Amino acid sequence: MTTNDEDQSTANIKRKLLEQINTLKREDERLYNILAIDVWALAKTMDEFQPGFWSAFMKNREKALKRFLAESAKNKPDTDTKRPPFLR
């Protein structure tokens, strides 16, 4: 195999990998959009059966997120004190 053939082979491999990565990105975006529609449909349906469901859900989610972040910060060792606190 000559150097030119190897370069073409490497270029083909890179091109195929980039195509696969782009395909995965599109599939990931499609899945994200499907999940967003599912969540919206669930919330809309629940709001029809129990008015105020979505706002109560979001309040609980905010509390849970704050609790999670506080626990994560408490359990995380401060090994790198040179970095700002929000990047540790």
PDB file of N, CA and C in Angstrom:
ATOM      1  N   MET A   1       0.848  -1.178   0.000  1.00  0.00           N
ATOM      2  CA  MET A   1       0.000   0.000   0.000  1.00  0.00           C
ATOM      3  C   MET A   1       0.891   1.238   0.000  1.00  0.00           C
ATOM      4  N   THR A   2       0.580   2.179  -0.867  1.00  0.00           N
ATOM      5  CA  THR A   2       1.379   3.394  -0.948  1.00  0.00           C
ATOM      6  C   THR A   2       0.894   4.408   0.067  1.00  0.00           C
ATOM      7  N   THR A   3       1.676   5.454   0.201  1.00  0.00           N
ATOM      8  CA  THR A   3       1.323   6.507   1.150  1.00  0.00           C
ATOM      9  C   THR A   3       0.027   7.195   0.742  1.00  0.00           C
ATOM     10  N   ASN A   4      -0.182   7.378  -0.555  1.00  0.00           N
ATOM     11  CA  ASN A   4      -1.404   8.013  -1.052  1.00  0.00           C
ATOM     12  C   ASN A   4      -2.622   7.160  -0.715  1.00  0.00           C
ATOM     13  N   ASP A   5      -2.488   5.826  -0.868  1.00  0.00           N
ATOM     14  CA  ASP A   5      -3.589   4.927  -0.519  1.00  0.00           C
ATOM     15  C   ASP A   5      -3.895   4.981   0.974  1.00  0.00           C
ATOM     16  N   GLU A   6      -2.847   5.056   1.785  1.00  0.00           N
ATOM     17  CA  GLU A   6      -3.031   5.140   3.230  1.00  0.00           C
ATOM     18  C   GLU A   6      -3.718   6.440   3.612  1.00  0.00           C
ATOM     19  N   ASP A   7      -3.334   7.539   2.947  1.00  0.00           N
ATOM     20  CA  ASP A   7      -3.972   8.827   3.217  1.00  0.00           C
ATOM     21  C   ASP A   7      -5.450   8.790   2.854  1.00  0.00           C
ATOM     22  N   GLN A   8      -5.765   8.181   1.720  1.00  0.00           N
ATOM     23  CA  GLN A   8      -7.167   8.070   1.310  1.00  0.00           C
ATOM     24  C   GLN A   8      -7.944   7.177   2.269  1.00  0.00           C
ATOM     25  N   SER A   9      -7.308   6.086   2.705  1.00  0.00           N
ATOM     26  CA  SER A   9      -7.961   5.176   3.653  1.00  0.00           C
ATOM     27  C   SER A   9      -8.236   5.894   4.975  1.00  0.00           C
ATOM     28  N   THR A  10      -7.258   6.647   5.456  1.00  0.00           N
ATOM     29  CA  THR A  10      -7.422   7.403   6.693  1.00  0.00           C
ATOM     30  C   THR A  10      -8.508   8.464   6.526  1.00  0.00           C
ATOM     31  N   ALA A  11      -8.528   9.122   5.387  1.00  0.00           N
ATOM     32  CA  ALA A  11      -9.544  10.134   5.126  1.00  0.00           C
ATOM     33  C   ALA A  11     -10.932   9.503   5.082  1.00  0.00           C
ATOM     34  N   ASN A  12     -11.045   8.313   4.493  1.00  0.00           N
ATOM     35  CA  ASN A  12     -12.340   7.620   4.439  1.00  0.00           C
ATOM     36  C   ASN A  12     -12.807   7.229   5.835  1.00  0.00           C
ATOM     37  N   ILE A  13     -11.881   6.764   6.650  1.00  0.00           N
ATOM     38  CA  ILE A  13     -12.222   6.379   8.019  1.00  0.00           C
ATOM     39  C   ILE A  13     -12.689   7.601   8.806  1.00  0.00           C
ATOM     40  N   LYS A  14     -11.974   8.709   8.663  1.00  0.00           N
ATOM     41  CA  LYS A  14     -12.358   9.943   9.363  1.00  0.00           C
ATOM     42  C   LYS A  14     -13.732  10.417   8.905  1.00  0.00           C
ATOM     43  N   ARG A  15     -13.975  10.354   7.590  1.00  0.00           N
ATOM     44  CA  ARG A  15     -15.258  10.786   7.042  1.00  0.00           C
ATOM     45  C   ARG A  15     -16.386   9.924   7.588  1.00  0.00           C
ATOM     46  N   LYS A  16     -16.163   8.596   7.639  1.00  0.00           N
ATOM     47  CA  LYS A  16     -17.193   7.694   8.156  1.00  0.00           C
ATOM     48  C   LYS A  16     -17.454   7.958   9.641  1.00  0.00           C
ATOM     49  N   LEU A  17     -16.388   8.209  10.394  1.00  0.00           N
ATOM     50  CA  LEU A  17     -16.557   8.504  11.821  1.00  0.00           C
ATOM     51  C   LEU A  17     -17.344   9.802  12.015  1.00  0.00           C
ATOM     52  N   LEU A  18     -17.017  10.826  11.215  1.00  0.00           N
ATOM     53  CA  LEU A  18     -17.751  12.086  11.319  1.00  0.00           C
ATOM     54  C   LEU A  18     -19.216  11.901  10.950  1.00  0.00           C
ATOM     55  N   GLU A  19     -19.493  11.078   9.951  1.00  0.00           N
ATOM     56  CA  GLU A  19     -20.883  10.792   9.582  1.00  0.00           C
ATOM     57  C   GLU A  19     -21.612  10.094  10.725  1.00  0.00           C
ATOM     58  N   GLN A  20     -20.934   9.132  11.367  1.00  0.00           N
ATOM     59  CA  GLN A  20     -21.556   8.428  12.495  1.00  0.00           C
ATOM     60  C   GLN A  20     -21.811   9.378  13.654  1.00  0.00           C
ATOM     61  N   ILE A  21     -20.862  10.254  13.937  1.00  0.00           N
ATOM     62  CA  ILE A  21     -21.032  11.227  15.024  1.00  0.00           C
ATOM     63  C   ILE A  21     -22.208  12.152  14.723  1.00  0.00           C
ATOM     64  N   ASN A  22     -22.286  12.626  13.485  1.00  0.00           N
ATOM     65  CA  ASN A  22     -23.397  13.512  13.105  1.00  0.00           C
ATOM     66  C   ASN A  22     -24.739  12.782  13.189  1.00  0.00           C
ATOM     67  N   THR A  23     -24.758  11.509  12.795  1.00  0.00           N
ATOM     68  CA  THR A  23     -25.979  10.719  12.901  1.00  0.00           C
ATOM     69  C   THR A  23     -26.395  10.579  14.361  1.00  0.00           C
ATOM     70  N   LEU A  24     -25.432  10.303  15.239  1.00  0.00           N
ATOM     71  CA  LEU A  24     -25.737  10.193  16.670  1.00  0.00           C
ATOM     72  C   LEU A  24     -26.243  11.512  17.239  1.00  0.00           C
ATOM     73  N   LYS A  25     -25.659  12.613  16.807  1.00  0.00           N
ATOM     74  CA  LYS A  25     -26.120  13.927  17.277  1.00  0.00           C
ATOM     75  C   LYS A  25     -27.568  14.175  16.863  1.00  0.00           C
ATOM     76  N   ARG A  26     -27.896  13.851  15.600  1.00  0.00           N
ATOM     77  CA  ARG A  26     -29.272  14.043  15.136  1.00  0.00           C
ATOM     78  C   ARG A  26     -30.229  13.146  15.896  1.00  0.00           C
ATOM     79  N   GLU A  27     -29.833  11.881  16.129  1.00  0.00           N
ATOM     80  CA  GLU A  27     -30.697  10.964  16.877  1.00  0.00           C
ATOM     81  C   GLU A  27     -30.882  11.437  18.311  1.00  0.00           C
ATOM     82  N   ASP A  28     -29.825  11.973  18.911  1.00  0.00           N
ATOM     83  CA  ASP A  28     -29.913  12.490  20.271  1.00  0.00           C
ATOM     84  C   ASP A  28     -30.866  13.675  20.327  1.00  0.00           C
ATOM     85  N   GLU A  29     -30.760  14.570  19.346  1.00  0.00           N
ATOM     86  CA  GLU A  29     -31.664  15.726  19.301  1.00  0.00           C
ATOM     87  C   GLU A  29     -33.109  15.276  19.078  1.00  0.00           C
ATOM     88  N   ARG A  30     -33.304  14.289  18.237  1.00  0.00           N
ATOM     89  CA  ARG A  30     -34.649  13.780  17.978  1.00  0.00           C
ATOM     90  C   ARG A  30     -35.227  13.165  19.254  1.00  0.00           C
ATOM     91  N   LEU A  31     -34.430  12.387  19.969  1.00  0.00           N
ATOM     92  CA  LEU A  31     -34.890  11.785  21.225  1.00  0.00           C
ATOM     93  C   LEU A  31     -35.235  12.866  22.245  1.00  0.00           C
ATOM     94  N   TYR A  32     -34.395  13.885  22.341  1.00  0.00           N
ATOM     95  CA  TYR A  32     -34.645  14.993  23.266  1.00  0.00           C
ATOM     96  C   TYR A  32     -35.982  15.661  22.942  1.00  0.00           C
ATOM     97  N   ASN A  33     -36.224  15.886  21.652  1.00  0.00           N
ATOM     98  CA  ASN A  33     -37.482  16.521  21.245  1.00  0.00           C
ATOM     99  C   ASN A  33     -38.677  15.633  21.556  1.00  0.00           C
ATOM    100  N   ILE A  34     -38.538  14.339  21.351  1.00  0.00           N
ATOM    101  CA  ILE A  34     -39.633  13.409  21.664  1.00  0.00           C
ATOM    102  C   ILE A  34     -39.918  13.418  23.161  1.00  0.00           C
ATOM    103  N   LEU A  35     -38.864  13.407  23.970  1.00  0.00           N
ATOM    104  CA  LEU A  35     -39.054  13.446  25.419  1.00  0.00           C
ATOM    105  C   LEU A  35     -39.712  14.754  25.855  1.00  0.00           C
ATOM    106  N   ALA A  36     -39.328  15.852  25.226  1.00  0.00           N
ATOM    107  CA  ALA A  36     -39.940  17.140  25.568  1.00  0.00           C
ATOM    108  C   ALA A  36     -41.433  17.126  25.254  1.00  0.00           C
ATOM    109  N   ILE A  37     -41.795  16.549  24.124  1.00  0.00           N
ATOM    110  CA  ILE A  37     -43.218  16.454  23.763  1.00  0.00           C
ATOM    111  C   ILE A  37     -43.952  15.553  24.754  1.00  0.00           C
ATOM    112  N   ASP A  38     -43.331  14.436  25.142  1.00  0.00           N
ATOM    113  CA  ASP A  38     -43.957  13.526  26.115  1.00  0.00           C
ATOM    114  C   ASP A  38     -44.195  14.220  27.449  1.00  0.00           C
ATOM    115  N   VAL A  39     -43.208  14.955  27.918  1.00  0.00           N
ATOM    116  CA  VAL A  39     -43.350  15.660  29.200  1.00  0.00           C
ATOM    117  C   VAL A  39     -44.445  16.713  29.090  1.00  0.00           C
ATOM    118  N   TRP A  40     -44.454  17.454  27.980  1.00  0.00           N
ATOM    119  CA  TRP A  40     -45.488  18.465  27.792  1.00  0.00           C
ATOM    120  C   TRP A  40     -46.879  17.826  27.784  1.00  0.00           C
ATOM    121  N   ALA A  41     -47.023  16.708  27.058  1.00  0.00           N
ATOM    122  CA  ALA A  41     -48.330  16.042  26.982  1.00  0.00           C
ATOM    123  C   ALA A  41     -48.769  15.537  28.356  1.00  0.00           C
ATOM    124  N   LEU A  42     -47.827  14.986  29.110  1.00  0.00           N
ATOM    125  CA  LEU A  42     -48.144  14.495  30.453  1.00  0.00           C
ATOM    126  C   LEU A  42     -48.573  15.652  31.357  1.00  0.00           C
ATOM    127  N   ALA A  43     -47.820  16.736  31.301  1.00  0.00           N
ATOM    128  CA  ALA A  43     -48.145  17.885  32.144  1.00  0.00           C
ATOM    129  C   ALA A  43     -49.493  18.480  31.754  1.00  0.00           C
ATOM    130  N   LYS A  44     -49.752  18.595  30.475  1.00  0.00           N
ATOM    131  CA  LYS A  44     -51.029  19.147  30.005  1.00  0.00           C
ATOM    132  C   LYS A  44     -52.186  18.267  30.457  1.00  0.00           C
ATOM    133  N   THR A  45     -52.010  16.959  30.322  1.00  0.00           N
ATOM    134  CA  THR A  45     -53.057  16.026  30.748  1.00  0.00           C
ATOM    135  C   THR A  45     -53.279  16.107  32.250  1.00  0.00           C
ATOM    136  N   MET A  46     -52.191  16.119  33.018  1.00  0.00           N
ATOM    137  CA  MET A  46     -52.327  16.178  34.476  1.00  0.00           C
ATOM    138  C   MET A  46     -52.949  17.499  34.920  1.00  0.00           C
ATOM    139  N   ASP A  47     -52.629  18.594  34.231  1.00  0.00           N
ATOM    140  CA  ASP A  47     -53.238  19.882  34.570  1.00  0.00           C
ATOM    141  C   ASP A  47     -54.745  19.868  34.330  1.00  0.00           C
ATOM    142  N   GLU A  48     -55.187  19.093  33.339  1.00  0.00           N
ATOM    143  CA  GLU A  48     -56.630  19.000  33.090  1.00  0.00           C
ATOM    144  C   GLU A  48     -57.332  18.236  34.207  1.00  0.00           C
ATOM    145  N   PHE A  49     -56.672  17.203  34.728  1.00  0.00           N
ATOM    146  CA  PHE A  49     -57.274  16.400  35.801  1.00  0.00           C
ATOM    147  C   PHE A  49     -57.094  17.036  37.169  1.00  0.00           C
ATOM    148  N   GLN A  50     -55.951  17.663  37.365  1.00  0.00           N
ATOM    149  CA  GLN A  50     -55.650  18.278  38.660  1.00  0.00           C
ATOM    150  C   GLN A  50     -55.052  19.664  38.386  1.00  0.00           C
ATOM    151  N   PRO A  51     -55.880  20.702  38.341  1.00  0.00           N
ATOM    152  CA  PRO A  51     -55.377  22.049  38.051  1.00  0.00           C
ATOM    153  C   PRO A  51     -54.268  22.451  39.027  1.00  0.00           C
ATOM    154  N   GLY A  52     -53.229  23.060  38.479  1.00  0.00           N
ATOM    155  CA  GLY A  52     -52.092  23.477  39.303  1.00  0.00           C
ATOM    156  C   GLY A  52     -51.022  22.414  39.430  1.00  0.00           C
ATOM    157  N   PHE A  53     -51.220  21.285  38.770  1.00  0.00           N
ATOM    158  CA  PHE A  53     -50.252  20.186  38.875  1.00  0.00           C
ATOM    159  C   PHE A  53     -48.866  20.627  38.434  1.00  0.00           C
ATOM    160  N   TRP A  54     -48.797  21.284  37.280  1.00  0.00           N
ATOM    161  CA  TRP A  54     -47.489  21.626  36.717  1.00  0.00           C
ATOM    162  C   TRP A  54     -46.736  22.601  37.617  1.00  0.00           C
ATOM    163  N   SER A  55     -47.408  23.607  38.148  1.00  0.00           N
ATOM    164  CA  SER A  55     -46.710  24.561  39.015  1.00  0.00           C
ATOM    165  C   SER A  55     -46.243  23.884  40.300  1.00  0.00           C
ATOM    166  N   ALA A  56     -47.063  22.987  40.849  1.00  0.00           N
ATOM    167  CA  ALA A  56     -46.641  22.257  42.046  1.00  0.00           C
ATOM    168  C   ALA A  56     -45.453  21.351  41.729  1.00  0.00           C
ATOM    169  N   PHE A  57     -45.505  20.706  40.572  1.00  0.00           N
ATOM    170  CA  PHE A  57     -44.397  19.838  40.158  1.00  0.00           C
ATOM    171  C   PHE A  57     -43.105  20.639  40.045  1.00  0.00           C
ATOM    172  N   MET A  58     -43.174  21.812  39.409  1.00  0.00           N
ATOM    173  CA  MET A  58     -41.977  22.629  39.213  1.00  0.00           C
ATOM    174  C   MET A  58     -41.440  23.158  40.549  1.00  0.00           C
ATOM    175  N   LYS A  59     -42.323  23.495  41.490  1.00  0.00           N
ATOM    176  CA  LYS A  59     -41.860  23.926  42.811  1.00  0.00           C
ATOM    177  C   LYS A  59     -41.127  22.796  43.520  1.00  0.00           C
ATOM    178  N   ASN A  60     -41.701  21.594  43.465  1.00  0.00           N
ATOM    179  CA  ASN A  60     -41.047  20.439  44.083  1.00  0.00           C
ATOM    180  C   ASN A  60     -39.719  20.126  43.407  1.00  0.00           C
ATOM    181  N   ARG A  61     -39.679  20.269  42.088  1.00  0.00           N
ATOM    182  CA  ARG A  61     -38.448  20.014  41.335  1.00  0.00           C
ATOM    183  C   ARG A  61     -37.371  21.010  41.745  1.00  0.00           C
ATOM    184  N   GLU A  62     -37.753  22.273  41.919  1.00  0.00           N
ATOM    185  CA  GLU A  62     -36.791  23.293  42.329  1.00  0.00           C
ATOM    186  C   GLU A  62     -36.233  22.985  43.720  1.00  0.00           C
ATOM    187  N   LYS A  63     -37.105  22.577  44.641  1.00  0.00           N
ATOM    188  CA  LYS A  63     -36.655  22.219  45.990  1.00  0.00           C
ATOM    189  C   LYS A  63     -35.701  21.031  45.941  1.00  0.00           C
ATOM    190  N   ALA A  64     -36.058  20.025  45.152  1.00  0.00           N
ATOM    191  CA  ALA A  64     -35.219  18.834  45.039  1.00  0.00           C
ATOM    192  C   ALA A  64     -33.865  19.177  44.430  1.00  0.00           C
ATOM    193  N   LEU A  65     -33.849  20.048  43.433  1.00  0.00           N
ATOM    194  CA  LEU A  65     -32.594  20.443  42.807  1.00  0.00           C
ATOM    195  C   LEU A  65     -31.718  21.198  43.796  1.00  0.00           C
ATOM    196  N   LYS A  66     -32.299  22.114  44.549  1.00  0.00           N
ATOM    197  CA  LYS A  66     -31.526  22.856  45.553  1.00  0.00           C
ATOM    198  C   LYS A  66     -30.960  21.912  46.604  1.00  0.00           C
ATOM    199  N   ARG A  67     -31.772  20.941  47.043  1.00  0.00           N
ATOM    200  CA  ARG A  67     -31.309  19.960  48.026  1.00  0.00           C
ATOM    201  C   ARG A  67     -30.164  19.128  47.447  1.00  0.00           C
ATOM    202  N   PHE A  68     -30.312  18.701  46.198  1.00  0.00           N
ATOM    203  CA  PHE A  68     -29.271  17.915  45.545  1.00  0.00           C
ATOM    204  C   PHE A  68     -27.973  18.699  45.433  1.00  0.00           C
ATOM    205  N   LEU A  69     -28.057  19.971  45.018  1.00  0.00           N
ATOM    206  CA  LEU A  69     -26.857  20.783  44.885  1.00  0.00           C
ATOM    207  C   LEU A  69     -26.185  21.021  46.236  1.00  0.00           C
ATOM    208  N   ALA A  70     -26.984  21.226  47.271  1.00  0.00           N
ATOM    209  CA  ALA A  70     -26.426  21.424  48.606  1.00  0.00           C
ATOM    210  C   ALA A  70     -25.714  20.151  49.079  1.00  0.00           C
ATOM    211  N   GLU A  71     -26.336  19.001  48.855  1.00  0.00           N
ATOM    212  CA  GLU A  71     -25.714  17.728  49.249  1.00  0.00           C
ATOM    213  C   GLU A  71     -24.442  17.477  48.452  1.00  0.00           C
ATOM    214  N   SER A  72     -24.481  17.778  47.163  1.00  0.00           N
ATOM    215  CA  SER A  72     -23.306  17.577  46.318  1.00  0.00           C
ATOM    216  C   SER A  72     -22.157  18.459  46.767  1.00  0.00           C
ATOM    217  N   ALA A  73     -22.464  19.712  47.103  1.00  0.00           N
ATOM    218  CA  ALA A  73     -21.423  20.639  47.547  1.00  0.00           C
ATOM    219  C   ALA A  73     -20.868  20.211  48.900  1.00  0.00           C
ATOM    220  N   LYS A  74     -21.732  19.690  49.765  1.00  0.00           N
ATOM    221  CA  LYS A  74     -21.291  19.279  51.102  1.00  0.00           C
ATOM    222  C   LYS A  74     -20.397  18.041  51.016  1.00  0.00           C
ATOM    223  N   ASN A  75     -20.713  17.119  50.128  1.00  0.00           N
ATOM    224  CA  ASN A  75     -19.980  15.853  50.035  1.00  0.00           C
ATOM    225  C   ASN A  75     -18.764  15.920  49.124  1.00  0.00           C
ATOM    226  N   LYS A  76     -18.582  17.017  48.421  1.00  0.00           N
ATOM    227  CA  LYS A  76     -17.471  17.136  47.487  1.00  0.00           C
ATOM    228  C   LYS A  76     -16.236  17.661  48.215  1.00  0.00           C
ATOM    229  N   PRO A  77     -15.109  16.956  48.103  1.00  0.00           N
ATOM    230  CA  PRO A  77     -13.898  17.446  48.783  1.00  0.00           C
ATOM    231  C   PRO A  77     -13.337  18.667  48.063  1.00  0.00           C
ATOM    232  N   ASP A  78     -12.833  19.619  48.834  1.00  0.00           N
ATOM    233  CA  ASP A  78     -12.222  20.823  48.271  1.00  0.00           C
ATOM    234  C   ASP A  78     -10.735  20.571  48.032  1.00  0.00           C
ATOM    235  N   THR A  79     -10.438  19.785  46.994  1.00  0.00           N
ATOM    236  CA  THR A  79      -9.047  19.443  46.717  1.00  0.00           C
ATOM    237  C   THR A  79      -8.364  20.504  45.874  1.00  0.00           C
ATOM    238  N   ASP A  80      -9.099  21.177  45.024  1.00  0.00           N
ATOM    239  CA  ASP A  80      -8.511  22.172  44.140  1.00  0.00           C
ATOM    240  C   ASP A  80      -8.975  23.557  44.563  1.00  0.00           C
ATOM    241  N   THR A  81      -8.220  24.172  45.461  1.00  0.00           N
ATOM    242  CA  THR A  81      -8.635  25.475  45.992  1.00  0.00           C
ATOM    243  C   THR A  81      -8.252  26.618  45.060  1.00  0.00           C
ATOM    244  N   LYS A  82      -7.487  26.342  43.993  1.00  0.00           N
ATOM    245  CA  LYS A  82      -7.116  27.391  43.052  1.00  0.00           C
ATOM    246  C   LYS A  82      -8.268  27.736  42.121  1.00  0.00           C
ATOM    247  N   ARG A  83      -9.195  26.799  41.924  1.00  0.00           N
ATOM    248  CA  ARG A  83     -10.326  27.041  41.042  1.00  0.00           C
ATOM    249  C   ARG A  83     -11.418  27.789  41.799  1.00  0.00           C
ATOM    250  N   PRO A  84     -12.190  28.587  41.116  1.00  0.00           N
ATOM    251  CA  PRO A  84     -13.313  29.290  41.761  1.00  0.00           C
ATOM    252  C   PRO A  84     -14.327  28.263  42.311  1.00  0.00           C
ATOM    253  N   PRO A  85     -15.062  28.615  43.341  1.00  0.00           N
ATOM    254  CA  PRO A  85     -15.983  27.665  43.972  1.00  0.00           C
ATOM    255  C   PRO A  85     -17.015  27.072  43.004  1.00  0.00           C
ATOM    256  N   PHE A  86     -17.474  27.867  42.033  1.00  0.00           N
ATOM    257  CA  PHE A  86     -18.495  27.345  41.140  1.00  0.00           C
ATOM    258  C   PHE A  86     -17.932  26.362  40.107  1.00  0.00           C
ATOM    259  N   LEU A  87     -16.607  26.223  40.031  1.00  0.00           N
ATOM    260  CA  LEU A  87     -15.990  25.263  39.112  1.00  0.00           C
ATOM    261  C   LEU A  87     -15.383  24.064  39.829  1.00  0.00           C
ATOM    262  N   ARG A  88     -15.499  24.025  41.139  1.00  0.00           N
ATOM    263  CA  ARG A  88     -14.923  22.899  41.888  1.00  0.00           C
ATOM    264  C   ARG A  88     -15.780  21.686  41.800  1.00  0.00           C
TER     265      ARG A  88
END
